[in-house]
Amino acid sequence: MIENEYITIKHEDGNTETVQVVTYLISEDGLRNYIVYFKDEVQGVDNDHVIYISKLIEKKGTVALVEIVEDPEWVDVQGLLKRIANA
């Protein structure tokens, strides 16, 4: 049985929350890292989990989660997710 992995996110306002890691992604060129995770949030008639994807960067000696805002980067991330889904 595979054990779930959890991480604690510390927000800039000092609050923390624990989230469950779904997977990590590495860009094809190996220069960008991403984390796919979910909180205890569900939506829709099937109560599907809301999934989050953030870029991981090193910032001041810690790892920070950064929002993906550029469309080309989203296209790259979608390609990485499709590879996992089709594996």
PDB file of N, CA and C in Angstrom:
ATOM      1  N   MET A   1       0.839  -1.185   0.000  1.00  0.00           N
ATOM      2  CA  MET A   1       0.000   0.000   0.000  1.00  0.00           C
ATOM      3  C   MET A   1       0.885   1.251   0.000  1.00  0.00           C
ATOM      4  N   ILE A   2       0.588   2.190  -0.873  1.00  0.00           N
ATOM      5  CA  ILE A   2       1.354   3.424  -0.964  1.00  0.00           C
ATOM      6  C   ILE A   2       0.828   4.411   0.062  1.00  0.00           C
ATOM      7  N   GLU A   3       1.766   4.979   0.836  1.00  0.00           N
ATOM      8  CA  GLU A   3       1.379   5.966   1.828  1.00  0.00           C
ATOM      9  C   GLU A   3       1.255   7.338   1.187  1.00  0.00           C
ATOM     10  N   ASN A   4       0.289   8.102   1.598  1.00  0.00           N
ATOM     11  CA  ASN A   4       0.107   9.450   1.073  1.00  0.00           C
ATOM     12  C   ASN A   4       1.203  10.368   1.592  1.00  0.00           C
ATOM     13  N   GLU A   5       1.623  11.313   0.751  1.00  0.00           N
ATOM     14  CA  GLU A   5       2.620  12.297   1.155  1.00  0.00           C
ATOM     15  C   GLU A   5       1.920  13.623   1.395  1.00  0.00           C
ATOM     16  N   TYR A   6       2.259  14.248   2.497  1.00  0.00           N
ATOM     17  CA  TYR A   6       1.695  15.541   2.848  1.00  0.00           C
ATOM     18  C   TYR A   6       2.821  16.549   3.024  1.00  0.00           C
ATOM     19  N   ILE A   7       2.547  17.799   2.691  1.00  0.00           N
ATOM     20  CA  ILE A   7       3.482  18.879   2.973  1.00  0.00           C
ATOM     21  C   ILE A   7       2.719  19.991   3.682  1.00  0.00           C
ATOM     22  N   THR A   8       3.447  20.795   4.414  1.00  0.00           N
ATOM     23  CA  THR A   8       2.846  21.948   5.076  1.00  0.00           C
ATOM     24  C   THR A   8       3.295  23.195   4.336  1.00  0.00           C
ATOM     25  N   ILE A   9       2.330  23.998   3.948  1.00  0.00           N
ATOM     26  CA  ILE A   9       2.594  25.246   3.241  1.00  0.00           C
ATOM     27  C   ILE A   9       2.460  26.386   4.247  1.00  0.00           C
ATOM     28  N   LYS A  10       3.506  27.226   4.284  1.00  0.00           N
ATOM     29  CA  LYS A  10       3.453  28.414   5.135  1.00  0.00           C
ATOM     30  C   LYS A  10       3.205  29.619   4.238  1.00  0.00           C
ATOM     31  N   HIS A  11       2.102  30.280   4.449  1.00  0.00           N
ATOM     32  CA  HIS A  11       1.720  31.437   3.651  1.00  0.00           C
ATOM     33  C   HIS A  11       2.454  32.687   4.142  1.00  0.00           C
ATOM     34  N   GLU A  12       2.499  33.694   3.283  1.00  0.00           N
ATOM     35  CA  GLU A  12       3.200  34.935   3.627  1.00  0.00           C
ATOM     36  C   GLU A  12       2.628  35.607   4.862  1.00  0.00           C
ATOM     37  N   ASP A  13       1.341  35.377   5.147  1.00  0.00           N
ATOM     38  CA  ASP A  13       0.733  35.984   6.328  1.00  0.00           C
ATOM     39  C   ASP A  13       1.024  35.194   7.610  1.00  0.00           C
ATOM     40  N   GLY A  14       1.802  34.094   7.480  1.00  0.00           N
ATOM     41  CA  GLY A  14       2.177  33.289   8.640  1.00  0.00           C
ATOM     42  C   GLY A  14       1.291  32.084   8.881  1.00  0.00           C
ATOM     43  N   ASN A  15       0.118  32.044   8.264  1.00  0.00           N
ATOM     44  CA  ASN A  15      -0.762  30.885   8.409  1.00  0.00           C
ATOM     45  C   ASN A  15      -0.173  29.681   7.680  1.00  0.00           C
ATOM     46  N   THR A  16      -0.492  28.493   8.173  1.00  0.00           N
ATOM     47  CA  THR A  16      -0.028  27.270   7.524  1.00  0.00           C
ATOM     48  C   THR A  16      -1.209  26.374   7.200  1.00  0.00           C
ATOM     49  N   GLU A  17      -1.013  25.510   6.207  1.00  0.00           N
ATOM     50  CA  GLU A  17      -2.007  24.494   5.889  1.00  0.00           C
ATOM     51  C   GLU A  17      -1.278  23.254   5.385  1.00  0.00           C
ATOM     52  N   THR A  18      -1.843  22.115   5.667  1.00  0.00           N
ATOM     53  CA  THR A  18      -1.283  20.849   5.219  1.00  0.00           C
ATOM     54  C   THR A  18      -2.080  20.371   4.014  1.00  0.00           C
ATOM     55  N   VAL A  19      -1.355  19.979   2.964  1.00  0.00           N
ATOM     56  CA  VAL A  19      -1.989  19.533   1.723  1.00  0.00           C
ATOM     57  C   VAL A  19      -1.420  18.171   1.342  1.00  0.00           C
ATOM     58  N   GLN A  20      -2.177  17.430   0.549  1.00  0.00           N
ATOM     59  CA  GLN A  20      -1.725  16.121   0.084  1.00  0.00           C
ATOM     60  C   GLN A  20      -1.092  16.245  -1.297  1.00  0.00           C
ATOM     61  N   VAL A  21       0.101  15.701  -1.439  1.00  0.00           N
ATOM     62  CA  VAL A  21       0.815  15.729  -2.707  1.00  0.00           C
ATOM     63  C   VAL A  21       0.252  14.650  -3.621  1.00  0.00           C
ATOM     64  N   VAL A  22      -0.057  15.027  -4.866  1.00  0.00           N
ATOM     65  CA  VAL A  22      -0.483  14.074  -5.885  1.00  0.00           C
ATOM     66  C   VAL A  22       0.749  13.572  -6.629  1.00  0.00           C
ATOM     67  N   THR A  23       1.566  14.522  -7.113  1.00  0.00           N
ATOM     68  CA  THR A  23       2.792  14.162  -7.830  1.00  0.00           C
ATOM     69  C   THR A  23       3.667  15.393  -7.984  1.00  0.00           C
ATOM     70  N   TYR A  24       4.889  15.148  -8.392  1.00  0.00           N
ATOM     71  CA  TYR A  24       5.811  16.218  -8.773  1.00  0.00           C
ATOM     72  C   TYR A  24       6.040  16.116 -10.269  1.00  0.00           C
ATOM     73  N   LEU A  25       6.276  17.242 -10.926  1.00  0.00           N
ATOM     74  CA  LEU A  25       6.557  17.272 -12.357  1.00  0.00           C
ATOM     75  C   LEU A  25       7.871  18.009 -12.587  1.00  0.00           C
ATOM     76  N   ILE A  26       8.632  17.548 -13.569  1.00  0.00           N
ATOM     77  CA  ILE A  26       9.870  18.208 -13.970  1.00  0.00           C
ATOM     78  C   ILE A  26       9.752  18.500 -15.455  1.00  0.00           C
ATOM     79  N   SER A  27      10.034  19.745 -15.837  1.00  0.00           N
ATOM     80  CA  SER A  27       9.938  20.128 -17.249  1.00  0.00           C
ATOM     81  C   SER A  27      10.899  19.289 -18.075  1.00  0.00           C
ATOM     82  N   GLU A  28      10.607  19.185 -19.362  1.00  0.00           N
ATOM     83  CA  GLU A  28      11.424  18.354 -20.244  1.00  0.00           C
ATOM     84  C   GLU A  28      12.871  18.808 -20.275  1.00  0.00           C
ATOM     85  N   ASP A  29      13.125  20.102 -20.123  1.00  0.00           N
ATOM     86  CA  ASP A  29      14.504  20.597 -20.114  1.00  0.00           C
ATOM     87  C   ASP A  29      15.146  20.510 -18.731  1.00  0.00           C
ATOM     88  N   GLY A  30      14.368  20.071 -17.727  1.00  0.00           N
ATOM     89  CA  GLY A  30      14.878  19.894 -16.373  1.00  0.00           C
ATOM     90  C   GLY A  30      15.090  21.179 -15.598  1.00  0.00           C
ATOM     91  N   LEU A  31      14.618  22.296 -16.118  1.00  0.00           N
ATOM     92  CA  LEU A  31      14.866  23.589 -15.477  1.00  0.00           C
ATOM     93  C   LEU A  31      13.747  24.042 -14.537  1.00  0.00           C
ATOM     94  N   ARG A  32      12.560  23.471 -14.685  1.00  0.00           N
ATOM     95  CA  ARG A  32      11.419  23.887 -13.870  1.00  0.00           C
ATOM     96  C   ARG A  32      10.808  22.682 -13.168  1.00  0.00           C
ATOM     97  N   ASN A  33      10.421  22.897 -11.914  1.00  0.00           N
ATOM     98  CA  ASN A  33       9.793  21.852 -11.104  1.00  0.00           C
ATOM     99  C   ASN A  33       8.424  22.326 -10.655  1.00  0.00           C
ATOM    100  N   TYR A  34       7.494  21.389 -10.603  1.00  0.00           N
ATOM    101  CA  TYR A  34       6.120  21.696 -10.227  1.00  0.00           C
ATOM    102  C   TYR A  34       5.627  20.688  -9.202  1.00  0.00           C
ATOM    103  N   ILE A  35       4.625  21.099  -8.448  1.00  0.00           N
ATOM    104  CA  ILE A  35       3.968  20.197  -7.509  1.00  0.00           C
ATOM    105  C   ILE A  35       2.473  20.215  -7.810  1.00  0.00           C
ATOM    106  N   VAL A  36       1.878  19.031  -7.806  1.00  0.00           N
ATOM    107  CA  VAL A  36       0.432  18.878  -7.981  1.00  0.00           C
ATOM    108  C   VAL A  36      -0.091  18.400  -6.629  1.00  0.00           C
ATOM    109  N   TYR A  37      -1.070  19.113  -6.078  1.00  0.00           N
ATOM    110  CA  TYR A  37      -1.551  18.781  -4.732  1.00  0.00           C
ATOM    111  C   TYR A  37      -3.031  19.125  -4.592  1.00  0.00           C
ATOM    112  N   PHE A  38      -3.600  18.627  -3.497  1.00  0.00           N
ATOM    113  CA  PHE A  38      -4.982  19.025  -3.207  1.00  0.00           C
ATOM    114  C   PHE A  38      -5.177  19.219  -1.718  1.00  0.00           C
ATOM    115  N   LYS A  39      -6.177  20.028  -1.433  1.00  0.00           N
ATOM    116  CA  LYS A  39      -6.594  20.295  -0.062  1.00  0.00           C
ATOM    117  C   LYS A  39      -7.854  19.470   0.167  1.00  0.00           C
ATOM    118  N   ASP A  40      -8.517  19.672   1.253  1.00  0.00           N
ATOM    119  CA  ASP A  40      -9.778  18.965   1.492  1.00  0.00           C
ATOM    120  C   ASP A  40     -10.937  19.751   0.899  1.00  0.00           C
ATOM    121  N   GLU A  41     -10.810  20.138  -0.375  1.00  0.00           N
ATOM    122  CA  GLU A  41     -11.861  20.877  -1.062  1.00  0.00           C
ATOM    123  C   GLU A  41     -12.436  20.007  -2.169  1.00  0.00           C
ATOM    124  N   VAL A  42     -13.748  19.997  -2.255  1.00  0.00           N
ATOM    125  CA  VAL A  42     -14.410  19.267  -3.329  1.00  0.00           C
ATOM    126  C   VAL A  42     -15.415  20.202  -4.003  1.00  0.00           C
ATOM    127  N   GLN A  43     -15.760  19.833  -5.247  1.00  0.00           N
ATOM    128  CA  GLN A  43     -16.761  20.624  -5.963  1.00  0.00           C
ATOM    129  C   GLN A  43     -17.505  19.727  -6.929  1.00  0.00           C
ATOM    130  N   GLY A  44     -18.627  20.210  -7.396  1.00  0.00           N
ATOM    131  CA  GLY A  44     -19.411  19.492  -8.392  1.00  0.00           C
ATOM    132  C   GLY A  44     -20.295  18.422  -7.786  1.00  0.00           C
ATOM    133  N   VAL A  45     -21.128  17.845  -8.628  1.00  0.00           N
ATOM    134  CA  VAL A  45     -22.082  16.832  -8.175  1.00  0.00           C
ATOM    135  C   VAL A  45     -21.385  15.541  -7.748  1.00  0.00           C
ATOM    136  N   ASP A  46     -20.171  15.296  -8.289  1.00  0.00           N
ATOM    137  CA  ASP A  46     -19.425  14.086  -7.926  1.00  0.00           C
ATOM    138  C   ASP A  46     -18.453  14.320  -6.783  1.00  0.00           C
ATOM    139  N   ASN A  47     -18.478  15.522  -6.200  1.00  0.00           N
ATOM    140  CA  ASN A  47     -17.562  15.875  -5.117  1.00  0.00           C
ATOM    141  C   ASN A  47     -16.108  15.590  -5.476  1.00  0.00           C
ATOM    142  N   ASP A  48     -15.688  16.040  -6.675  1.00  0.00           N
ATOM    143  CA  ASP A  48     -14.309  15.877  -7.112  1.00  0.00           C
ATOM    144  C   ASP A  48     -13.387  16.804  -6.324  1.00  0.00           C
ATOM    145  N   HIS A  49     -12.174  16.309  -6.018  1.00  0.00           N
ATOM    146  CA  HIS A  49     -11.179  17.137  -5.333  1.00  0.00           C
ATOM    147  C   HIS A  49     -10.729  18.273  -6.251  1.00  0.00           C
ATOM    148  N   VAL A  50     -10.543  19.438  -5.677  1.00  0.00           N
ATOM    149  CA  VAL A  50      -9.972  20.571  -6.393  1.00  0.00           C
ATOM    150  C   VAL A  50      -8.457  20.359  -6.380  1.00  0.00           C
ATOM    151  N   ILE A  51      -7.850  20.338  -7.566  1.00  0.00           N
ATOM    152  CA  ILE A  51      -6.422  20.085  -7.712  1.00  0.00           C
ATOM    153  C   ILE A  51      -5.698  21.404  -7.966  1.00  0.00           C
ATOM    154  N   TYR A  52      -4.544  21.567  -7.339  1.00  0.00           N
ATOM    155  CA  TYR A  52      -3.714  22.753  -7.506  1.00  0.00           C
ATOM    156  C   TYR A  52      -2.380  22.348  -8.107  1.00  0.00           C
ATOM    157  N   ILE A  53      -1.818  23.233  -8.927  1.00  0.00           N
ATOM    158  CA  ILE A  53      -0.490  23.017  -9.486  1.00  0.00           C
ATOM    159  C   ILE A  53       0.284  24.318  -9.300  1.00  0.00           C
ATOM    160  N   SER A  54       1.460  24.205  -8.733  1.00  0.00           N
ATOM    161  CA  SER A  54       2.311  25.374  -8.521  1.00  0.00           C
ATOM    162  C   SER A  54       3.729  25.074  -8.963  1.00  0.00           C
ATOM    163  N   LYS A  55       4.422  26.122  -9.328  1.00  0.00           N
ATOM    164  CA  LYS A  55       5.839  26.007  -9.662  1.00  0.00           C
ATOM    165  C   LYS A  55       6.631  26.050  -8.356  1.00  0.00           C
ATOM    166  N   LEU A  56       7.658  25.230  -8.258  1.00  0.00           N
ATOM    167  CA  LEU A  56       8.536  25.224  -7.098  1.00  0.00           C
ATOM    168  C   LEU A  56       9.800  26.006  -7.432  1.00  0.00           C
ATOM    169  N   ILE A  57      10.148  26.974  -6.589  1.00  0.00           N
ATOM    170  CA  ILE A  57      11.400  27.700  -6.782  1.00  0.00           C
ATOM    171  C   ILE A  57      12.103  27.843  -5.439  1.00  0.00           C
ATOM    172  N   GLU A  58      13.414  27.945  -5.495  1.00  0.00           N
ATOM    173  CA  GLU A  58      14.162  28.199  -4.271  1.00  0.00           C
ATOM    174  C   GLU A  58      14.182  29.696  -4.037  1.00  0.00           C
ATOM    175  N   LYS A  59      13.835  30.067  -2.826  1.00  0.00           N
ATOM    176  CA  LYS A  59      13.723  31.485  -2.494  1.00  0.00           C
ATOM    177  C   LYS A  59      14.214  31.690  -1.067  1.00  0.00           C
ATOM    178  N   LYS A  60      15.312  32.389  -0.928  1.00  0.00           N
ATOM    179  CA  LYS A  60      15.869  32.695   0.395  1.00  0.00           C
ATOM    180  C   LYS A  60      16.118  31.432   1.216  1.00  0.00           C
ATOM    181  N   GLY A  61      16.648  30.403   0.574  1.00  0.00           N
ATOM    182  CA  GLY A  61      17.000  29.178   1.288  1.00  0.00           C
ATOM    183  C   GLY A  61      15.848  28.242   1.580  1.00  0.00           C
ATOM    184  N   THR A  62      14.660  28.563   1.120  1.00  0.00           N
ATOM    185  CA  THR A  62      13.515  27.662   1.287  1.00  0.00           C
ATOM    186  C   THR A  62      12.878  27.425  -0.081  1.00  0.00           C
ATOM    187  N   VAL A  63      11.983  26.476  -0.134  1.00  0.00           N
ATOM    188  CA  VAL A  63      11.257  26.198  -1.372  1.00  0.00           C
ATOM    189  C   VAL A  63       9.936  26.951  -1.318  1.00  0.00           C
ATOM    190  N   ALA A  64       9.657  27.705  -2.368  1.00  0.00           N
ATOM    191  CA  ALA A  64       8.436  28.504  -2.431  1.00  0.00           C
ATOM    192  C   ALA A  64       7.539  27.986  -3.547  1.00  0.00           C
ATOM    193  N   LEU A  65       6.233  28.096  -3.338  1.00  0.00           N
ATOM    194  CA  LEU A  65       5.254  27.782  -4.369  1.00  0.00           C
ATOM    195  C   LEU A  65       4.877  29.070  -5.075  1.00  0.00           C
ATOM    196  N   VAL A  66       4.953  29.034  -6.410  1.00  0.00           N
ATOM    197  CA  VAL A  66       4.667  30.223  -7.206  1.00  0.00           C
ATOM    198  C   VAL A  66       3.558  29.891  -8.196  1.00  0.00           C
ATOM    199  N   GLU A  67       2.623  30.804  -8.335  1.00  0.00           N
ATOM    200  CA  GLU A  67       1.524  30.616  -9.278  1.00  0.00           C
ATOM    201  C   GLU A  67       2.050  30.611 -10.714  1.00  0.00           C
ATOM    202  N   ILE A  68       1.496  29.744 -11.525  1.00  0.00           N
ATOM    203  CA  ILE A  68       1.824  29.701 -12.953  1.00  0.00           C
ATOM    204  C   ILE A  68       0.885  30.675 -13.652  1.00  0.00           C
ATOM    205  N   VAL A  69       1.445  31.690 -14.282  1.00  0.00           N
ATOM    206  CA  VAL A  69       0.595  32.730 -14.879  1.00  0.00           C
ATOM    207  C   VAL A  69       0.732  32.832 -16.392  1.00  0.00           C
ATOM    208  N   GLU A  70       1.794  32.311 -16.948  1.00  0.00           N
ATOM    209  CA  GLU A  70       2.029  32.413 -18.387  1.00  0.00           C
ATOM    210  C   GLU A  70       1.381  31.252 -19.136  1.00  0.00           C
ATOM    211  N   ASP A  71       0.638  31.556 -20.199  1.00  0.00           N
ATOM    212  CA  ASP A  71      -0.024  30.521 -20.987  1.00  0.00           C
ATOM    213  C   ASP A  71       0.941  29.476 -21.547  1.00  0.00           C
ATOM    214  N   PRO A  72       2.106  29.865 -22.096  1.00  0.00           N
ATOM    215  CA  PRO A  72       3.025  28.836 -22.617  1.00  0.00           C
ATOM    216  C   PRO A  72       3.488  27.855 -21.542  1.00  0.00           C
ATOM    217  N   GLU A  73       3.655  28.344 -20.325  1.00  0.00           N
ATOM    218  CA  GLU A  73       4.060  27.456 -19.235  1.00  0.00           C
ATOM    219  C   GLU A  73       2.934  26.481 -18.894  1.00  0.00           C
ATOM    220  N   TRP A  74       1.681  26.963 -18.919  1.00  0.00           N
ATOM    221  CA  TRP A  74       0.541  26.079 -18.685  1.00  0.00           C
ATOM    222  C   TRP A  74       0.470  24.987 -19.748  1.00  0.00           C
ATOM    223  N   VAL A  75       0.757  25.340 -20.986  1.00  0.00           N
ATOM    224  CA  VAL A  75       0.756  24.346 -22.062  1.00  0.00           C
ATOM    225  C   VAL A  75       1.805  23.270 -21.772  1.00  0.00           C
ATOM    226  N   ASP A  76       2.989  23.694 -21.312  1.00  0.00           N
ATOM    227  CA  ASP A  76       4.037  22.730 -20.958  1.00  0.00           C
ATOM    228  C   ASP A  76       3.587  21.810 -19.819  1.00  0.00           C
ATOM    229  N   VAL A  77       2.969  22.389 -18.800  1.00  0.00           N
ATOM    230  CA  VAL A  77       2.503  21.600 -17.650  1.00  0.00           C
ATOM    231  C   VAL A  77       1.420  20.617 -18.098  1.00  0.00           C
ATOM    232  N   GLN A  78       0.510  21.050 -18.946  1.00  0.00           N
ATOM    233  CA  GLN A  78      -0.536  20.150 -19.445  1.00  0.00           C
ATOM    234  C   GLN A  78       0.089  18.983 -20.209  1.00  0.00           C
ATOM    235  N   GLY A  79       1.142  19.252 -20.970  1.00  0.00           N
ATOM    236  CA  GLY A  79       1.842  18.179 -21.675  1.00  0.00           C
ATOM    237  C   GLY A  79       2.463  17.182 -20.718  1.00  0.00           C
ATOM    238  N   LEU A  80       3.039  17.679 -19.618  1.00  0.00           N
ATOM    239  CA  LEU A  80       3.617  16.780 -18.620  1.00  0.00           C
ATOM    240  C   LEU A  80       2.537  15.918 -17.967  1.00  0.00           C
ATOM    241  N   LEU A  81       1.386  16.522 -17.690  1.00  0.00           N
ATOM    242  CA  LEU A  81       0.281  15.757 -17.096  1.00  0.00           C
ATOM    243  C   LEU A  81      -0.267  14.710 -18.068  1.00  0.00           C
ATOM    244  N   LYS A  82      -0.331  15.039 -19.351  1.00  0.00           N
ATOM    245  CA  LYS A  82      -0.810  14.080 -20.349  1.00  0.00           C
ATOM    246  C   LYS A  82       0.105  12.883 -20.443  1.00  0.00           C
ATOM    247  N   ARG A  83       1.415  13.115 -20.325  1.00  0.00           N
ATOM    248  CA  ARG A  83       2.362  11.991 -20.352  1.00  0.00           C
ATOM    249  C   ARG A  83       2.097  11.030 -19.195  1.00  0.00           C
ATOM    250  N   ILE A  84       1.804  11.569 -18.025  1.00  0.00           N
ATOM    251  CA  ILE A  84       1.498  10.718 -16.861  1.00  0.00           C
ATOM    252  C   ILE A  84       0.189   9.950 -17.120  1.00  0.00           C
ATOM    253  N   ALA A  85      -0.819  10.662 -17.615  1.00  0.00           N
ATOM    254  CA  ALA A  85      -2.122  10.042 -17.833  1.00  0.00           C
ATOM    255  C   ALA A  85      -2.063   8.935 -18.884  1.00  0.00           C
ATOM    256  N   ASN A  86      -1.185   9.089 -19.850  1.00  0.00           N
ATOM    257  CA  ASN A  86      -1.074   8.116 -20.933  1.00  0.00           C
ATOM    258  C   ASN A  86      -0.042   7.023 -20.688  1.00  0.00           C
ATOM    259  N   ALA A  87       0.621   7.077 -19.531  1.00  0.00           N
ATOM    260  CA  ALA A  87       1.666   6.084 -19.227  1.00  0.00           C
ATOM    261  C   ALA A  87       1.063   4.745 -18.843  1.00  0.00           C
TER     262      ALA A  87
END
